[in-house]
PDB file of N, CA and C in Angstrom:
ATOM      1  N   MET A   1      36.218  53.948  -8.793  1.00  0.00           N
ATOM      2  CA  MET A   1      34.751  53.079  -9.240  1.00  0.00           C
ATOM      3  C   MET A   1      33.624  54.081  -9.761  1.00  0.00           C
ATOM      4  N   SER A   2      33.752  53.301 -10.867  1.00  0.00           N
ATOM      5  CA  SER A   2      32.356  54.653 -11.852  1.00  0.00           C
ATOM      6  C   SER A   2      30.849  54.324 -10.770  1.00  0.00           C
ATOM      7  N   LEU A   3      30.051  55.673 -10.723  1.00  0.00           N
ATOM      8  CA  LEU A   3      28.807  55.493 -10.585  1.00  0.00           C
ATOM      9  C   LEU A   3      28.414  54.224 -10.945  1.00  0.00           C
ATOM     10  N   PRO A   4      28.112  54.104 -12.386  1.00  0.00           N
ATOM     11  CA  PRO A   4      27.329  53.092 -13.138  1.00  0.00           C
ATOM     12  C   PRO A   4      28.156  51.717 -12.597  1.00  0.00           C
ATOM     13  N   ARG A   5      29.358  51.659 -12.102  1.00  0.00           N
ATOM     14  CA  ARG A   5      29.800  50.170 -11.944  1.00  0.00           C
ATOM     15  C   ARG A   5      29.145  49.908 -10.579  1.00  0.00           C
ATOM     16  N   ASN A   6      29.119  51.538  -9.214  1.00  0.00           N
ATOM     17  CA  ASN A   6      28.814  51.017  -8.407  1.00  0.00           C
ATOM     18  C   ASN A   6      27.335  50.470  -8.339  1.00  0.00           C
ATOM     19  N   ALA A   7      26.541  50.770  -9.059  1.00  0.00           N
ATOM     20  CA  ALA A   7      25.316  50.791  -9.187  1.00  0.00           C
ATOM     21  C   ALA A   7      25.137  48.886  -9.321  1.00  0.00           C
ATOM     22  N   GLU A   8      26.171  48.730 -10.144  1.00  0.00           N
ATOM     23  CA  GLU A   8      25.682  47.232 -10.150  1.00  0.00           C
ATOM     24  C   GLU A   8      26.616  46.446  -9.398  1.00  0.00           C
ATOM     25  N   LEU A   9      27.717  46.880  -8.608  1.00  0.00           N
ATOM     26  CA  LEU A   9      28.108  45.758  -7.962  1.00  0.00           C
ATOM     27  C   LEU A   9      26.956  46.017  -6.665  1.00  0.00           C
ATOM     28  N   PHE A  10      26.161  47.428  -6.271  1.00  0.00           N
ATOM     29  CA  PHE A  10      24.967  46.863  -5.359  1.00  0.00           C
ATOM     30  C   PHE A  10      23.777  46.462  -5.872  1.00  0.00           C
ATOM     31  N   GLY A  11      23.940  46.553  -6.580  1.00  0.00           N
ATOM     32  CA  GLY A  11      21.969  46.102  -7.658  1.00  0.00           C
ATOM     33  C   GLY A  11      20.815  46.851  -6.624  1.00  0.00           C
ATOM     34  N   THR A  12      19.889  45.983  -6.707  1.00  0.00           N
ATOM     35  CA  THR A  12      18.847  46.326  -6.457  1.00  0.00           C
ATOM     36  C   THR A  12      18.375  45.318  -5.002  1.00  0.00           C
ATOM     37  N   GLU A  13      17.437  45.857  -4.347  1.00  0.00           N
ATOM     38  CA  GLU A  13      16.654  45.559  -3.249  1.00  0.00           C
ATOM     39  C   GLU A  13      15.924  44.013  -3.335  1.00  0.00           C
ATOM     40  N   SER A  14      15.650  43.641  -4.783  1.00  0.00           N
ATOM     41  CA  SER A  14      15.236  42.663  -5.212  1.00  0.00           C
ATOM     42  C   SER A  14      16.003  41.557  -6.326  1.00  0.00           C
ATOM     43  N   ALA A  15      16.949  42.946  -6.758  1.00  0.00           N
ATOM     44  CA  ALA A  15      17.898  42.029  -7.213  1.00  0.00           C
ATOM     45  C   ALA A  15      19.368  42.432  -7.364  1.00  0.00           C
ATOM     46  N   PRO A  16      19.987  41.733  -5.582  1.00  0.00           N
ATOM     47  CA  PRO A  16      20.996  42.699  -5.364  1.00  0.00           C
ATOM     48  C   PRO A  16      22.138  42.087  -6.092  1.00  0.00           C
ATOM     49  N   GLY A  17      23.296  42.650  -6.193  1.00  0.00           N
ATOM     50  CA  GLY A  17      24.445  42.451  -6.704  1.00  0.00           C
ATOM     51  C   GLY A  17      25.269  41.895  -6.012  1.00  0.00           C
ATOM     52  N   GLN A  18      26.661  41.762  -6.904  1.00  0.00           N
ATOM     53  CA  GLN A  18      27.381  40.695  -6.239  1.00  0.00           C
ATOM     54  C   GLN A  18      27.925  41.535  -5.054  1.00  0.00           C
ATOM     55  N   LEU A  19      28.171  42.744  -4.651  1.00  0.00           N
ATOM     56  CA  LEU A  19      28.336  43.202  -3.112  1.00  0.00           C
ATOM     57  C   LEU A  19      27.920  42.555  -1.747  1.00  0.00           C
ATOM     58  N   LEU A  20      26.420  42.225  -2.009  1.00  0.00           N
ATOM     59  CA  LEU A  20      25.795  41.373  -1.132  1.00  0.00           C
ATOM     60  C   LEU A  20      26.230  39.772  -0.428  1.00  0.00           C
ATOM     61  N   ASP A  21      26.600  39.468  -1.605  1.00  0.00           N
ATOM     62  CA  ASP A  21      27.769  38.346  -1.613  1.00  0.00           C
ATOM     63  C   ASP A  21      28.911  38.253  -0.734  1.00  0.00           C
ATOM     64  N   THR A  22      29.345  39.155  -1.224  1.00  0.00           N
ATOM     65  CA  THR A  22      30.865  40.068  -0.609  1.00  0.00           C
ATOM     66  C   THR A  22      30.292  40.324   0.948  1.00  0.00           C
ATOM     67  N   VAL A  23      29.820  40.855   0.927  1.00  0.00           N
ATOM     68  CA  VAL A  23      29.184  41.210   2.756  1.00  0.00           C
ATOM     69  C   VAL A  23      28.875  39.921   3.708  1.00  0.00           C
ATOM     70  N   ARG A  24      28.109  39.039   2.994  1.00  0.00           N
ATOM     71  CA  ARG A  24      27.934  37.523   3.344  1.00  0.00           C
ATOM     72  C   ARG A  24      29.048  37.132   3.847  1.00  0.00           C
ATOM     73  N   ARG A  25      29.742  36.696   3.257  1.00  0.00           N
ATOM     74  CA  ARG A  25      31.412  36.400   3.303  1.00  0.00           C
ATOM     75  C   ARG A  25      31.970  36.337   4.541  1.00  0.00           C
ATOM     76  N   ALA A  26      32.516  38.558   4.402  1.00  0.00           N
ATOM     77  CA  ALA A  26      32.947  39.155   5.041  1.00  0.00           C
ATOM     78  C   ALA A  26      32.402  38.518   6.729  1.00  0.00           C
ATOM     79  N   ASN A  27      30.664  38.589   6.783  1.00  0.00           N
ATOM     80  CA  ASN A  27      30.469  38.439   7.904  1.00  0.00           C
ATOM     81  C   ASN A  27      30.528  37.005   8.730  1.00  0.00           C
ATOM     82  N   ASP A  28      30.696  36.122   7.333  1.00  0.00           N
ATOM     83  CA  ASP A  28      31.050  34.855   7.930  1.00  0.00           C
ATOM     84  C   ASP A  28      32.716  34.763   8.480  1.00  0.00           C
ATOM     85  N   VAL A  29      33.543  35.326   8.201  1.00  0.00           N
ATOM     86  CA  VAL A  29      35.163  34.998   8.330  1.00  0.00           C
ATOM     87  C   VAL A  29      34.697  36.053   9.967  1.00  0.00           C
ATOM     88  N   TRP A  30      34.252  37.126   9.721  1.00  0.00           N
ATOM     89  CA  TRP A  30      34.316  38.026  10.874  1.00  0.00           C
ATOM     90  C   TRP A  30      33.722  37.339  12.257  1.00  0.00           C
ATOM     91  N   LEU A  31      32.842  36.475  11.943  1.00  0.00           N
ATOM     92  CA  LEU A  31      32.237  35.550  12.905  1.00  0.00           C
ATOM     93  C   LEU A  31      32.888  34.314  13.588  1.00  0.00           C
ATOM     94  N   LYS A  32      33.612  33.840  12.298  1.00  0.00           N
ATOM     95  CA  LYS A  32      34.797  32.664  12.762  1.00  0.00           C
ATOM     96  C   LYS A  32      36.208  33.405  13.708  1.00  0.00           C
ATOM     97  N   ALA A  33      36.343  34.284  12.943  1.00  0.00           N
ATOM     98  CA  ALA A  33      37.533  35.407  13.774  1.00  0.00           C
ATOM     99  C   ALA A  33      37.458  35.519  15.294  1.00  0.00           C
ATOM    100  N   GLY A  34      35.829  36.124  15.435  1.00  0.00           N
ATOM    101  CA  GLY A  34      35.852  36.368  16.878  1.00  0.00           C
ATOM    102  C   GLY A  34      35.279  38.021  16.662  1.00  0.00           C
ATOM    103  N   ILE A  35      35.494  38.547  15.577  1.00  0.00           N
ATOM    104  CA  ILE A  35      35.308  40.127  15.371  1.00  0.00           C
ATOM    105  C   ILE A  35      34.017  40.264  15.840  1.00  0.00           C
ATOM    106  N   THR A  36      33.172  39.907  15.741  1.00  0.00           N
ATOM    107  CA  THR A  36      31.560  40.354  15.860  1.00  0.00           C
ATOM    108  C   THR A  36      31.431  38.813  16.500  1.00  0.00           C
ATOM    109  N   LYS A  37      30.555  39.233  16.923  1.00  0.00           N
ATOM    110  CA  LYS A  37      29.841  38.134  18.247  1.00  0.00           C
ATOM    111  C   LYS A  37      28.528  37.402  17.664  1.00  0.00           C
ATOM    112  N   LYS A  38      27.891  37.939  16.702  1.00  0.00           N
ATOM    113  CA  LYS A  38      26.131  37.965  16.526  1.00  0.00           C
ATOM    114  C   LYS A  38      26.461  37.952  14.814  1.00  0.00           C
ATOM    115  N   PRO A  39      25.722  37.648  13.917  1.00  0.00           N
ATOM    116  CA  PRO A  39      25.987  37.723  12.899  1.00  0.00           C
ATOM    117  C   PRO A  39      24.497  38.961  12.268  1.00  0.00           C
ATOM    118  N   VAL A  40      25.154  39.359  11.545  1.00  0.00           N
ATOM    119  CA  VAL A  40      24.657  40.828  10.697  1.00  0.00           C
ATOM    120  C   VAL A  40      23.737  40.711   9.351  1.00  0.00           C
ATOM    121  N   GLU A  41      22.493  41.124   9.748  1.00  0.00           N
ATOM    122  CA  GLU A  41      22.020  41.225   7.990  1.00  0.00           C
ATOM    123  C   GLU A  41      22.685  41.508   7.232  1.00  0.00           C
ATOM    124  N   PRO A  42      23.390  41.470   6.148  1.00  0.00           N
ATOM    125  CA  PRO A  42      23.487  41.850   4.955  1.00  0.00           C
ATOM    126  C   PRO A  42      23.244  42.765   4.303  1.00  0.00           C
ATOM    127  N   ALA A  43      22.066  42.545   3.877  1.00  0.00           N
ATOM    128  CA  ALA A  43      20.807  43.490   3.399  1.00  0.00           C
ATOM    129  C   ALA A  43      21.000  44.786   4.095  1.00  0.00           C
ATOM    130  N   ALA A  44      20.716  44.921   5.471  1.00  0.00           N
ATOM    131  CA  ALA A  44      20.754  46.054   6.029  1.00  0.00           C
ATOM    132  C   ALA A  44      21.792  46.785   6.371  1.00  0.00           C
ATOM    133  N   LEU A  45      22.886  46.687   5.633  1.00  0.00           N
ATOM    134  CA  LEU A  45      24.397  47.324   5.792  1.00  0.00           C
ATOM    135  C   LEU A  45      24.798  48.003   4.561  1.00  0.00           C
ATOM    136  N   LEU A  46      23.712  47.514   3.485  1.00  0.00           N
ATOM    137  CA  LEU A  46      23.699  48.278   1.905  1.00  0.00           C
ATOM    138  C   LEU A  46      22.575  49.013   1.478  1.00  0.00           C
ATOM    139  N   ASP A  47      23.130  50.349   1.258  1.00  0.00           N
ATOM    140  CA  ASP A  47      21.973  51.386   0.932  1.00  0.00           C
ATOM    141  C   ASP A  47      21.716  51.193  -0.767  1.00  0.00           C
ATOM    142  N   PHE A  48      20.845  50.590  -1.242  1.00  0.00           N
ATOM    143  CA  PHE A  48      20.505  50.213  -2.631  1.00  0.00           C
ATOM    144  C   PHE A  48      20.012  51.100  -3.505  1.00  0.00           C
ATOM    145  N   ALA A  49      19.324  51.980  -2.281  1.00  0.00           N
ATOM    146  CA  ALA A  49      18.386  52.965  -3.157  1.00  0.00           C
ATOM    147  C   ALA A  49      19.085  54.452  -3.426  1.00  0.00           C
ATOM    148  N   SER A  50      19.940  54.227  -2.574  1.00  0.00           N
ATOM    149  CA  SER A  50      21.033  55.648  -2.605  1.00  0.00           C
ATOM    150  C   SER A  50      21.977  55.711  -3.957  1.00  0.00           C
ATOM    151  N   VAL A  51      22.853  54.454  -4.341  1.00  0.00           N
ATOM    152  CA  VAL A  51      23.661  54.388  -4.743  1.00  0.00           C
ATOM    153  C   VAL A  51      22.548  54.522  -6.325  1.00  0.00           C
ATOM    154  N   ASN A  52      21.728  53.740  -6.538  1.00  0.00           N
ATOM    155  CA  ASN A  52      20.893  53.489  -7.729  1.00  0.00           C
ATOM    156  C   ASN A  52      20.508  54.967  -8.395  1.00  0.00           C
ATOM    157  N   ARG A  53      19.978  55.660  -6.821  1.00  0.00           N
ATOM    158  CA  ARG A  53      19.271  57.053  -7.398  1.00  0.00           C
ATOM    159  C   ARG A  53      20.134  57.951  -7.899  1.00  0.00           C
ATOM    160  N   ALA A  54      21.177  57.595  -7.324  1.00  0.00           N
ATOM    161  CA  ALA A  54      22.970  58.717  -7.987  1.00  0.00           C
ATOM    162  C   ALA A  54      23.067  58.417  -8.951  1.00  0.00           C
ATOM    163  N   ALA A  55      22.895  56.971  -9.694  1.00  0.00           N
ATOM    164  CA  ALA A  55      23.686  56.488 -10.844  1.00  0.00           C
ATOM    165  C   ALA A  55      22.307  56.909 -12.119  1.00  0.00           C
ATOM    166  N   LYS A  56      20.864  56.726 -11.388  1.00  0.00           N
ATOM    167  CA  LYS A  56      19.958  57.367 -12.348  1.00  0.00           C
ATOM    168  C   LYS A  56      19.960  58.851 -12.604  1.00  0.00           C
ATOM    169  N   GLU A  57      20.049  59.439 -12.095  1.00  0.00           N
ATOM    170  CA  GLU A  57      20.503  61.029 -11.759  1.00  0.00           C
ATOM    171  C   GLU A  57      21.778  61.856 -12.541  1.00  0.00           C
ATOM    172  N   LYS A  58      22.599  60.766 -12.756  1.00  0.00           N
ATOM    173  CA  LYS A  58      23.756  61.227 -13.580  1.00  0.00           C
ATOM    174  C   LYS A  58      22.941  60.625 -15.100  1.00  0.00           C
ATOM    175  N   ARG A  59      22.456  59.641 -15.288  1.00  0.00           N
ATOM    176  CA  ARG A  59      22.031  59.730 -16.869  1.00  0.00           C
ATOM    177  C   ARG A  59      21.649  60.735 -17.023  1.00  0.00           C
TER     178      ARG A  59
END
């Protein structure tokens, strides 16, 4: 996947992309399946800044 597409999927902290919803859904599945014992804050798993900084530097 290209760097610009990754930046689009990640989005930013103030305007998250599709990946945040994907992580939320995965979190729900893992909880229901007993893989995890407590919910995880999805935004804490995503490093918006690194992907967006890399995409910006690439331009």
